[in-house]
C-alpha cells in the first residue's frame, strides 16, 4: 500500500509538471504586418496587401530579422526618404530603441535605412514613425522586390517590438507610379483611414489640329499652281 501511494504521488507530480512544460512561455517572437489599407490618395494596382513585413527573433535576444516584401504590380513602386528626413518611403513604429547600424543582408536594399527616436514626417498620415526605409529613383522597391534586414536593439527583447503608434498605425508606405500617374499612402493597423479612390489621371496628349475642308481646298489649288508653273518653265527653256 505504501509503495502504491509513493508511485501515485510521483505520477501526480509528473502530471502537474507536464502542463508547465507543454504550455510554457514562448521562446520565439514572430509578427506580420500587412499594408492593405489606403489611408489617402489612389488605390495601388493589384490586390491587397500591397506590402508585407515579417519580423522574427528569439525571446531574450537583442537581434531580429525584418523581411520586407512587395506585392505591388504594374509600374507601382516605393521610393522616398530624403536626406532631410522630411519624406519617407516605407516606415514603422518601434517601442524599442535600435542600437547601431541597420544592415541589409539581401534583396533590394534601401539606399537609406534610419532609426530616429524623434520620428519622421509621414506626409498626410501625420503620425509618428521612427524606423524608415527609402530607395532612390534608380533602385526602386517595386513588383517582385524584397529585402532582408538585421536589426540590433538596445535591450533584449521580451516581445514584439513593432507596435501601434498613437494613431494605431504599425506601418505606412508611399506608393508611386500607379497606372495613370497617381500615388497613394497605404497603412497597416487599425487607425482611422480617409480611404482611397482609383486613379483617374490620363496622360497629357498634345492637341492635333485638323484642317478645315476649305483649307484643304486652298492647299490643293496651291499644289496645282506650283505644278503648272514648273511644267511651263521646263517647256519654254
Protein backbone atom coordinates (compact mmCIF):
# COMPACT_ATOMS: atom_id res chain seq x y z
CA UNK A 1 0.00 0.00 0.00
CA UNK A 2 2.83 2.37 0.90
CA UNK A 3 4.58 1.62 -2.39
CA UNK A 4 1.33 2.32 -4.24
CA UNK A 5 0.95 5.70 -2.53
CA UNK A 6 4.53 6.68 -3.41
CA UNK A 7 4.01 5.77 -7.07
CA UNK A 8 0.70 7.65 -7.12
CA UNK A 9 2.38 10.72 -5.68
CA UNK A 10 5.13 10.61 -8.30
CA UNK A 11 2.56 10.24 -11.07
CA UNK A 12 0.56 13.17 -9.73
CA UNK A 13 3.67 15.36 -9.56
CA UNK A 14 4.59 14.45 -13.12
CA UNK A 15 1.07 15.23 -14.33
CA UNK A 16 1.18 18.63 -12.66
CA UNK A 17 4.56 19.41 -14.23
CA UNK A 18 3.52 18.47 -17.79
CA UNK A 19 1.24 21.47 -18.43
CA UNK A 20 4.01 23.81 -17.34
CA UNK A 21 6.34 22.19 -19.87
CA UNK A 22 3.75 21.99 -22.62
CA UNK A 23 2.32 25.46 -22.17
CA UNK A 24 5.42 27.32 -21.08
CA UNK A 25 6.38 30.81 -22.21
CA UNK A 26 7.07 31.16 -25.95
CA UNK A 27 10.72 31.21 -26.92
CA UNK A 28 10.34 32.91 -30.29
CA UNK A 29 8.87 36.22 -31.48
CA UNK A 30 7.14 36.50 -34.83
CA UNK A 31 4.94 39.20 -36.33
CA UNK A 32 3.48 40.00 -39.74
CA UNK A 33 2.36 43.45 -40.84
CA UNK A 34 0.19 43.68 -43.96
CA UNK A 35 -0.18 47.09 -45.61
CA UNK A 36 -3.66 46.54 -47.03
CA UNK A 37 -5.46 49.83 -46.38
CA UNK A 38 -5.32 53.06 -48.37
CA UNK A 39 -5.03 55.96 -45.96
CA UNK A 40 -5.43 58.59 -48.69
CA UNK A 41 -4.73 59.03 -52.38
CA UNK A 42 -5.12 56.47 -55.14
CA UNK A 43 -5.55 52.72 -54.80
CA UNK A 44 -2.42 50.83 -55.91
CA UNK A 45 -2.60 48.38 -58.79
CA UNK A 46 -3.22 44.73 -57.95
CA UNK A 47 -4.71 43.19 -54.83
CA UNK A 48 -4.06 43.98 -51.16
CA UNK A 49 -1.89 43.52 -49.21
CA UNK A 50 0.44 45.53 -51.41
CA UNK A 51 3.37 45.28 -48.99
CA UNK A 52 4.20 42.82 -46.20
CA UNK A 53 6.76 42.97 -43.39
CA UNK A 54 7.70 39.90 -41.31
CA UNK A 55 9.73 40.09 -38.11
CA UNK A 56 11.31 37.14 -36.27
CA UNK A 57 13.52 36.92 -33.19
CA UNK A 58 14.21 34.87 -30.07
CA UNK A 59 12.94 35.94 -26.66
CA UNK A 60 15.88 37.33 -24.73
CA UNK A 61 17.84 38.18 -27.86
CA UNK A 62 18.77 41.74 -28.82
CA UNK A 63 18.71 40.97 -32.55
CA UNK A 64 15.94 40.23 -35.02
CA UNK A 65 15.27 39.78 -38.74
CA UNK A 66 12.92 42.03 -40.69
CA UNK A 67 11.87 40.88 -44.17
CA UNK A 68 10.22 43.41 -46.47
CA UNK A 69 8.19 42.02 -49.40
CA UNK A 70 6.49 43.81 -52.27
CA UNK A 71 3.23 42.52 -53.75
CA UNK A 72 2.89 45.60 -55.95
CA UNK A 73 2.06 45.10 -59.62
CA UNK A 74 2.38 47.08 -62.82
CA UNK A 75 4.50 50.23 -62.62
CA UNK A 76 3.88 50.81 -58.88
CA UNK A 77 6.92 51.41 -56.67
CA UNK A 78 8.13 52.72 -53.29
CA UNK A 79 10.91 55.29 -53.13
CA UNK A 80 11.33 58.20 -50.71
CA UNK A 81 13.26 59.17 -47.57
CA UNK A 82 15.23 62.28 -48.46
CA UNK A 83 18.44 63.29 -46.72
CA UNK A 84 16.47 65.88 -44.73
CA UNK A 85 14.19 63.07 -43.44
CA UNK A 86 11.18 65.17 -44.43
CA UNK A 87 9.61 62.40 -46.51
CA UNK A 88 9.59 58.63 -46.20
CA UNK A 89 9.23 55.63 -48.47
CA UNK A 90 8.23 52.90 -46.00
CA UNK A 91 8.22 53.36 -42.22
CA UNK A 92 7.36 51.56 -38.98
CA UNK A 93 6.83 52.35 -35.32
CA UNK A 94 9.00 50.60 -32.71
CA UNK A 95 8.59 50.71 -28.95
CA UNK A 96 12.21 49.55 -28.56
CA UNK A 97 15.31 51.58 -29.39
CA UNK A 98 17.51 50.37 -32.23
CA UNK A 99 21.21 50.20 -31.44
CA UNK A 100 23.94 50.53 -34.05
CA UNK A 101 23.57 50.16 -37.78
CA UNK A 102 20.63 48.64 -39.64
CA UNK A 103 22.22 46.17 -42.00
CA UNK A 104 20.62 44.75 -45.14
CA UNK A 105 21.71 41.17 -45.82
CA UNK A 106 19.97 40.51 -49.15
CA UNK A 107 17.48 41.78 -51.71
CA UNK A 108 16.64 45.26 -52.96
CA UNK A 109 18.31 47.12 -50.12
CA UNK A 110 17.13 50.65 -49.35
CA UNK A 111 19.56 53.48 -50.04
CA UNK A 112 18.60 54.91 -46.62
CA UNK A 113 17.56 52.93 -43.55
CA UNK A 114 17.28 55.12 -40.47
CA UNK A 115 16.18 54.88 -36.86
CA UNK A 116 15.09 58.21 -35.37
CA UNK A 117 13.72 58.32 -31.82
CA UNK A 118 12.06 61.66 -32.61
CA UNK A 119 10.16 60.21 -35.52
CA UNK A 120 9.73 61.02 -39.20
CA UNK A 121 7.26 63.16 -41.10
CA UNK A 122 4.99 60.62 -42.78
CA UNK A 123 3.20 63.02 -45.12
CA UNK A 124 -0.61 63.18 -44.88
CA UNK A 125 -0.79 60.42 -42.25
CA UNK A 126 0.55 62.89 -39.64
CA UNK A 127 1.57 60.20 -37.22
CA UNK A 128 4.94 59.32 -35.67
CA UNK A 129 7.00 56.51 -37.21
CA UNK A 130 10.62 56.05 -36.14
CA UNK A 131 12.13 53.37 -38.41
CA UNK A 132 12.16 54.35 -42.08
CA UNK A 133 13.44 52.99 -45.39
CA UNK A 134 13.92 54.85 -48.65
CA UNK A 135 15.02 53.85 -52.12
CA UNK A 136 16.49 56.04 -54.87
CA UNK A 137 14.94 56.56 -58.32
CA UNK A 138 17.40 54.08 -59.79
CA UNK A 139 16.81 51.45 -57.10
CA UNK A 140 13.08 51.38 -56.52
CA UNK A 141 11.23 48.87 -54.36
CA UNK A 142 8.70 47.54 -56.86
CA UNK A 143 6.90 44.43 -58.10
CA UNK A 144 8.80 41.31 -57.02
CA UNK A 145 11.21 43.18 -54.74
CA UNK A 146 12.18 42.01 -51.26
CA UNK A 147 14.81 42.94 -48.70
CA UNK A 148 16.09 41.27 -45.52
CA UNK A 149 17.38 43.38 -42.62
CA UNK A 150 19.22 42.51 -39.43
CA UNK A 151 18.10 44.78 -36.57
CA UNK A 152 20.09 45.25 -33.36
CA UNK A 153 18.19 46.55 -30.32
CA UNK A 154 19.45 48.40 -27.26
CA UNK A 155 17.90 45.81 -24.91
CA UNK A 156 16.98 42.14 -25.00
CA UNK A 157 13.52 41.58 -26.47
CA UNK A 158 10.70 40.20 -24.35
CA UNK A 159 8.06 40.61 -27.05
CA UNK A 160 7.29 42.05 -30.47
CA UNK A 161 8.98 45.49 -30.77
CA UNK A 162 6.76 46.56 -33.68
CA UNK A 163 3.85 48.33 -32.03
CA UNK A 164 0.98 50.64 -32.92
CA UNK A 165 1.67 54.36 -32.53
CA UNK A 166 -0.74 56.90 -31.02
CA UNK A 167 -2.87 56.78 -34.15
CA UNK A 168 -2.99 52.95 -34.05
CA UNK A 169 -0.80 52.55 -37.14
CA UNK A 170 2.00 49.99 -37.30
CA UNK A 171 3.43 50.95 -40.68
CA UNK A 172 2.98 53.34 -43.60
CA UNK A 173 4.32 53.49 -47.17
CA UNK A 174 4.06 55.91 -50.09
CA UNK A 175 3.26 54.08 -53.32
CA UNK A 176 4.02 55.97 -56.52
CA UNK A 177 3.75 55.23 -60.24
CA UNK A 178 0.20 53.89 -60.01
CA UNK A 179 -1.18 53.38 -63.54
CA UNK A 180 -2.28 56.80 -64.77
CA UNK A 181 0.47 58.67 -62.90
CA UNK A 182 -1.06 58.68 -59.39
CA UNK A 183 0.21 57.91 -55.88
CA UNK A 184 -1.27 56.82 -52.57
CA UNK A 185 -0.41 56.28 -48.89
CA UNK A 186 -1.07 52.76 -47.59
CA UNK A 187 -1.03 51.65 -43.94
CA UNK A 188 -1.13 48.70 -41.58
CA UNK A 189 -3.09 48.96 -38.35
CA UNK A 190 -6.50 49.87 -37.00
CA UNK A 191 -6.45 53.67 -37.15
CA UNK A 192 -8.91 55.92 -38.96
CA UNK A 193 -8.16 55.96 -42.69
CA UNK A 194 -9.57 58.50 -45.11
CA UNK A 195 -9.78 55.91 -47.88
CA UNK A 196 -8.63 55.98 -51.47
CA UNK A 197 -10.03 56.03 -54.98
CA UNK A 198 -8.95 54.66 -58.36
CA UNK A 199 -6.50 56.75 -60.35
CA UNK A 200 -8.40 58.93 -62.83
CA UNK A 201 -5.50 60.87 -64.31
CA UNK A 202 -4.79 60.38 -68.01
CA UNK A 203 -1.51 61.12 -69.80
CA UNK A 204 -1.37 64.51 -71.49
CA UNK A 205 -1.65 64.23 -75.30
CA UNK A 206 -0.70 67.29 -77.42
CA UNK A 207 -3.76 68.57 -79.30
CA UNK A 208 -3.71 67.86 -83.04
CA UNK A 209 -5.12 70.45 -85.46
CA UNK A 210 -7.30 69.01 -88.23
CA UNK A 211 -7.51 71.27 -91.35
CA UNK A 212 -10.94 72.56 -92.30
CA UNK A 213 -12.37 71.46 -95.70
CA UNK A 214 -11.84 74.96 -97.10
CA UNK A 215 -8.21 74.95 -96.03
CA UNK A 216 -7.70 71.60 -97.73
CA UNK A 217 -9.13 73.03 -100.98
CA UNK A 218 -6.80 76.02 -100.93
CA UNK A 219 -3.85 73.76 -100.19
CA UNK A 220 -4.74 71.61 -103.22
CA UNK A 221 -5.03 74.61 -105.53
CA UNK A 222 -1.66 75.80 -104.34
CA UNK A 223 -0.04 72.48 -105.22
CA UNK A 224 -1.72 72.54 -108.67
CA UNK A 225 -0.43 76.06 -109.40
CA UNK A 226 3.10 75.09 -108.41
CA UNK A 227 2.92 72.05 -110.73
CA UNK A 228 1.73 74.15 -113.71
CA UNK A 229 4.46 76.72 -113.11
CA UNK A 230 7.18 74.07 -113.02
CA UNK A 231 5.78 72.40 -116.20
CA UNK A 232 5.65 75.68 -118.18
CA UNK A 233 9.15 76.64 -117.09
CA UNK A 234 10.57 73.36 -118.38
CA UNK A 235 8.62 73.69 -121.68
CA UNK A 236 9.91 77.16 -122.63
CA UNK A 237 13.55 76.73 -121.68
